[in-house]
Amino acid sequence: MSPKDTASSSKSGGTAAFTPARIAVLVLAVLAVIFIFENTQRVKIRLLIPEVTMPLYGALLITAVIGAVCGGYFVARRRK
């Protein structure tokens, strides 16, 4: 295989796997996970009527997942 063949086969349709935006999102996700699992104390959370005592990381993780789902939905709707 010649060097030209190797260079041309490494490009996948003109899109790179690690773009600056993807790297930024990955770094933010890692920082969010670190922040979530550093907060392990138990807290009281009141959502409308029920009051629940749970670890803070659980509440933060649930909030992050809800935010990611809503953000993904927003981005998907905007691209159409």
N, C-alpha and C. Protein backbone atom coordinates (compact mmCIF):
# COMPACT_ATOMS: atom_id res chain seq x y z
N MET A 1 0.85 -1.16 0.00
CA MET A 1 0.00 0.00 0.00
C MET A 1 0.90 1.23 0.00
N SER A 2 0.62 2.18 -0.86
CA SER A 2 1.45 3.38 -0.96
C SER A 2 1.03 4.41 0.08
N PRO A 3 1.88 5.39 0.38
CA PRO A 3 1.49 6.43 1.34
C PRO A 3 0.26 7.21 0.91
N LYS A 4 0.07 7.37 -0.41
CA LYS A 4 -1.12 8.07 -0.88
C LYS A 4 -2.39 7.31 -0.52
N ASP A 5 -2.35 5.98 -0.67
CA ASP A 5 -3.51 5.17 -0.33
C ASP A 5 -3.83 5.25 1.16
N THR A 6 -2.81 5.24 1.98
CA THR A 6 -3.01 5.30 3.42
C THR A 6 -3.60 6.64 3.83
N ALA A 7 -3.10 7.73 3.25
CA ALA A 7 -3.60 9.06 3.60
C ALA A 7 -5.05 9.24 3.16
N SER A 8 -5.39 8.75 1.99
CA SER A 8 -6.75 8.94 1.51
C SER A 8 -7.73 8.03 2.22
N SER A 9 -7.28 6.87 2.70
CA SER A 9 -8.21 5.97 3.38
C SER A 9 -8.45 6.39 4.82
N SER A 10 -7.61 7.27 5.39
CA SER A 10 -7.82 7.70 6.77
C SER A 10 -8.93 8.73 6.87
N LYS A 11 -9.28 9.38 5.79
CA LYS A 11 -10.37 10.35 5.82
C LYS A 11 -11.69 9.61 5.61
N SER A 12 -12.64 9.91 6.46
CA SER A 12 -13.93 9.22 6.36
C SER A 12 -14.99 10.18 5.84
N GLY A 13 -15.00 10.39 4.58
CA GLY A 13 -16.02 11.23 3.97
C GLY A 13 -15.89 12.69 4.30
N GLY A 14 -14.70 13.14 4.71
CA GLY A 14 -14.49 14.54 5.00
C GLY A 14 -14.87 14.97 6.40
N THR A 15 -15.32 14.05 7.27
CA THR A 15 -15.66 14.41 8.64
C THR A 15 -14.67 13.77 9.59
N ALA A 16 -14.16 14.54 10.51
CA ALA A 16 -13.22 14.03 11.49
C ALA A 16 -13.99 13.49 12.69
N ALA A 17 -13.42 12.48 13.33
CA ALA A 17 -14.07 11.90 14.50
C ALA A 17 -14.02 12.85 15.69
N PHE A 18 -12.91 13.57 15.83
CA PHE A 18 -12.76 14.49 16.96
C PHE A 18 -12.69 15.93 16.47
N THR A 19 -13.84 16.56 16.43
CA THR A 19 -13.89 17.98 16.08
C THR A 19 -13.75 18.78 17.38
N PRO A 20 -13.42 20.05 17.30
CA PRO A 20 -13.32 20.85 18.52
C PRO A 20 -14.61 20.87 19.35
N ALA A 21 -15.74 20.89 18.69
CA ALA A 21 -17.02 20.87 19.41
C ALA A 21 -17.22 19.56 20.15
N ARG A 22 -16.88 18.44 19.52
CA ARG A 22 -17.03 17.14 20.19
C ARG A 22 -16.07 17.01 21.36
N ILE A 23 -14.87 17.54 21.22
CA ILE A 23 -13.91 17.50 22.31
C ILE A 23 -14.42 18.35 23.48
N ALA A 24 -14.97 19.52 23.19
CA ALA A 24 -15.51 20.39 24.23
C ALA A 24 -16.66 19.70 24.97
N VAL A 25 -17.54 19.06 24.23
CA VAL A 25 -18.67 18.35 24.85
C VAL A 25 -18.16 17.20 25.71
N LEU A 26 -17.16 16.48 25.23
CA LEU A 26 -16.59 15.38 25.99
C LEU A 26 -15.95 15.88 27.28
N VAL A 27 -15.21 16.97 27.21
CA VAL A 27 -14.58 17.54 28.41
C VAL A 27 -15.65 17.99 29.40
N LEU A 28 -16.69 18.67 28.92
CA LEU A 28 -17.78 19.10 29.81
C LEU A 28 -18.49 17.91 30.44
N ALA A 29 -18.69 16.85 29.68
CA ALA A 29 -19.34 15.66 30.22
C ALA A 29 -18.49 15.02 31.32
N VAL A 30 -17.19 14.94 31.10
CA VAL A 30 -16.30 14.37 32.12
C VAL A 30 -16.31 15.24 33.38
N LEU A 31 -16.26 16.56 33.21
CA LEU A 31 -16.31 17.46 34.37
C LEU A 31 -17.63 17.34 35.12
N ALA A 32 -18.72 17.18 34.39
CA ALA A 32 -20.04 17.01 35.02
C ALA A 32 -20.09 15.72 35.83
N VAL A 33 -19.56 14.64 35.28
CA VAL A 33 -19.55 13.36 35.99
C VAL A 33 -18.70 13.46 37.25
N ILE A 34 -17.53 14.11 37.16
CA ILE A 34 -16.69 14.29 38.34
C ILE A 34 -17.43 15.11 39.39
N PHE A 35 -18.07 16.20 38.98
CA PHE A 35 -18.82 17.04 39.90
C PHE A 35 -19.95 16.27 40.56
N ILE A 36 -20.66 15.48 39.78
CA ILE A 36 -21.79 14.71 40.31
C ILE A 36 -21.32 13.72 41.38
N PHE A 37 -20.27 12.97 41.10
CA PHE A 37 -19.85 11.93 42.04
C PHE A 37 -18.99 12.45 43.18
N GLU A 38 -18.63 13.71 43.19
CA GLU A 38 -17.97 14.33 44.35
C GLU A 38 -19.00 14.76 45.39
N ASN A 39 -20.26 14.89 45.00
CA ASN A 39 -21.31 15.34 45.90
C ASN A 39 -22.13 14.13 46.34
N THR A 40 -21.71 13.51 47.45
CA THR A 40 -22.33 12.25 47.87
C THR A 40 -23.22 12.41 49.11
N GLN A 41 -23.30 13.60 49.71
CA GLN A 41 -24.11 13.75 50.91
C GLN A 41 -25.59 13.57 50.58
N ARG A 42 -26.35 13.18 51.60
CA ARG A 42 -27.78 12.97 51.41
C ARG A 42 -28.50 14.30 51.59
N VAL A 43 -29.49 14.56 50.75
CA VAL A 43 -30.26 15.80 50.81
C VAL A 43 -31.75 15.48 50.70
N LYS A 44 -32.55 16.41 51.22
CA LYS A 44 -34.00 16.29 51.06
C LYS A 44 -34.40 17.05 49.80
N ILE A 45 -35.16 16.40 48.95
CA ILE A 45 -35.62 17.01 47.71
C ILE A 45 -37.14 16.97 47.71
N ARG A 46 -37.73 18.10 47.43
CA ARG A 46 -39.19 18.18 47.39
C ARG A 46 -39.60 18.51 45.96
N LEU A 47 -40.35 17.61 45.36
CA LEU A 47 -40.86 17.81 44.01
C LEU A 47 -42.38 17.81 44.09
N LEU A 48 -42.96 19.00 44.05
CA LEU A 48 -44.40 19.21 44.21
C LEU A 48 -44.86 18.70 45.58
N ILE A 49 -45.35 17.49 45.70
CA ILE A 49 -45.89 17.02 46.98
C ILE A 49 -44.91 16.10 47.73
N PRO A 50 -44.34 15.05 47.12
CA PRO A 50 -43.51 14.14 47.92
C PRO A 50 -42.15 14.76 48.27
N GLU A 51 -41.65 14.39 49.45
CA GLU A 51 -40.32 14.79 49.87
C GLU A 51 -39.46 13.53 49.94
N VAL A 52 -38.34 13.55 49.24
CA VAL A 52 -37.48 12.37 49.13
C VAL A 52 -36.12 12.72 49.68
N THR A 53 -35.52 11.80 50.44
CA THR A 53 -34.14 11.96 50.88
C THR A 53 -33.30 11.02 50.03
N MET A 54 -32.32 11.59 49.35
CA MET A 54 -31.47 10.79 48.46
C MET A 54 -30.10 11.44 48.36
N PRO A 55 -29.10 10.69 47.88
CA PRO A 55 -27.78 11.30 47.68
C PRO A 55 -27.86 12.40 46.63
N LEU A 56 -27.10 13.47 46.85
CA LEU A 56 -27.12 14.59 45.93
C LEU A 56 -26.67 14.17 44.54
N TYR A 57 -25.73 13.20 44.44
CA TYR A 57 -25.29 12.77 43.11
C TYR A 57 -26.42 12.15 42.32
N GLY A 58 -27.36 11.52 42.99
CA GLY A 58 -28.51 10.96 42.28
C GLY A 58 -29.39 12.04 41.67
N ALA A 59 -29.64 13.09 42.46
CA ALA A 59 -30.44 14.21 41.94
C ALA A 59 -29.72 14.90 40.80
N LEU A 60 -28.41 15.12 40.94
CA LEU A 60 -27.65 15.78 39.88
C LEU A 60 -27.61 14.92 38.61
N LEU A 61 -27.46 13.61 38.79
CA LEU A 61 -27.42 12.71 37.64
C LEU A 61 -28.75 12.68 36.91
N ILE A 62 -29.84 12.64 37.66
CA ILE A 62 -31.17 12.66 37.04
C ILE A 62 -31.37 13.97 36.27
N THR A 63 -30.97 15.08 36.89
CA THR A 63 -31.11 16.38 36.23
C THR A 63 -30.27 16.45 34.96
N ALA A 64 -29.04 15.91 35.02
CA ALA A 64 -28.16 15.92 33.84
C ALA A 64 -28.75 15.08 32.71
N VAL A 65 -29.31 13.93 33.04
CA VAL A 65 -29.90 13.07 32.02
C VAL A 65 -31.12 13.76 31.38
N ILE A 66 -31.96 14.37 32.20
CA ILE A 66 -33.12 15.08 31.66
C ILE A 66 -32.67 16.22 30.75
N GLY A 67 -31.65 16.96 31.18
CA GLY A 67 -31.12 18.04 30.36
C GLY A 67 -30.53 17.55 29.05
N ALA A 68 -29.82 16.42 29.08
CA ALA A 68 -29.23 15.86 27.87
C ALA A 68 -30.32 15.40 26.89
N VAL A 69 -31.36 14.79 27.42
CA VAL A 69 -32.47 14.34 26.56
C VAL A 69 -33.17 15.54 25.93
N CYS A 70 -33.45 16.56 26.73
CA CYS A 70 -34.11 17.76 26.20
C CYS A 70 -33.22 18.47 25.18
N GLY A 71 -31.93 18.57 25.48
CA GLY A 71 -30.99 19.21 24.55
C GLY A 71 -30.86 18.43 23.26
N GLY A 72 -30.79 17.11 23.35
CA GLY A 72 -30.71 16.27 22.16
C GLY A 72 -31.96 16.40 21.30
N TYR A 73 -33.11 16.47 21.96
CA TYR A 73 -34.37 16.64 21.22
C TYR A 73 -34.39 17.99 20.51
N PHE A 74 -33.93 19.04 21.22
CA PHE A 74 -33.91 20.38 20.64
C PHE A 74 -32.99 20.43 19.42
N VAL A 75 -31.80 19.85 19.53
CA VAL A 75 -30.85 19.85 18.42
C VAL A 75 -31.39 19.04 17.24
N ALA A 76 -32.01 17.90 17.51
CA ALA A 76 -32.56 17.07 16.45
C ALA A 76 -33.70 17.80 15.72
N ARG A 77 -34.54 18.49 16.47
CA ARG A 77 -35.65 19.23 15.85
C ARG A 77 -35.13 20.41 15.02
N ARG A 78 -34.05 21.01 15.48
CA ARG A 78 -33.51 22.19 14.79
C ARG A 78 -32.83 21.81 13.48
N ARG A 79 -32.28 20.61 13.41
CA ARG A 79 -31.58 20.17 12.18
C ARG A 79 -32.52 19.81 11.06
N LYS A 80 -33.77 19.56 11.35
CA LYS A 80 -34.72 19.14 10.31
C LYS A 80 -35.12 20.27 9.42
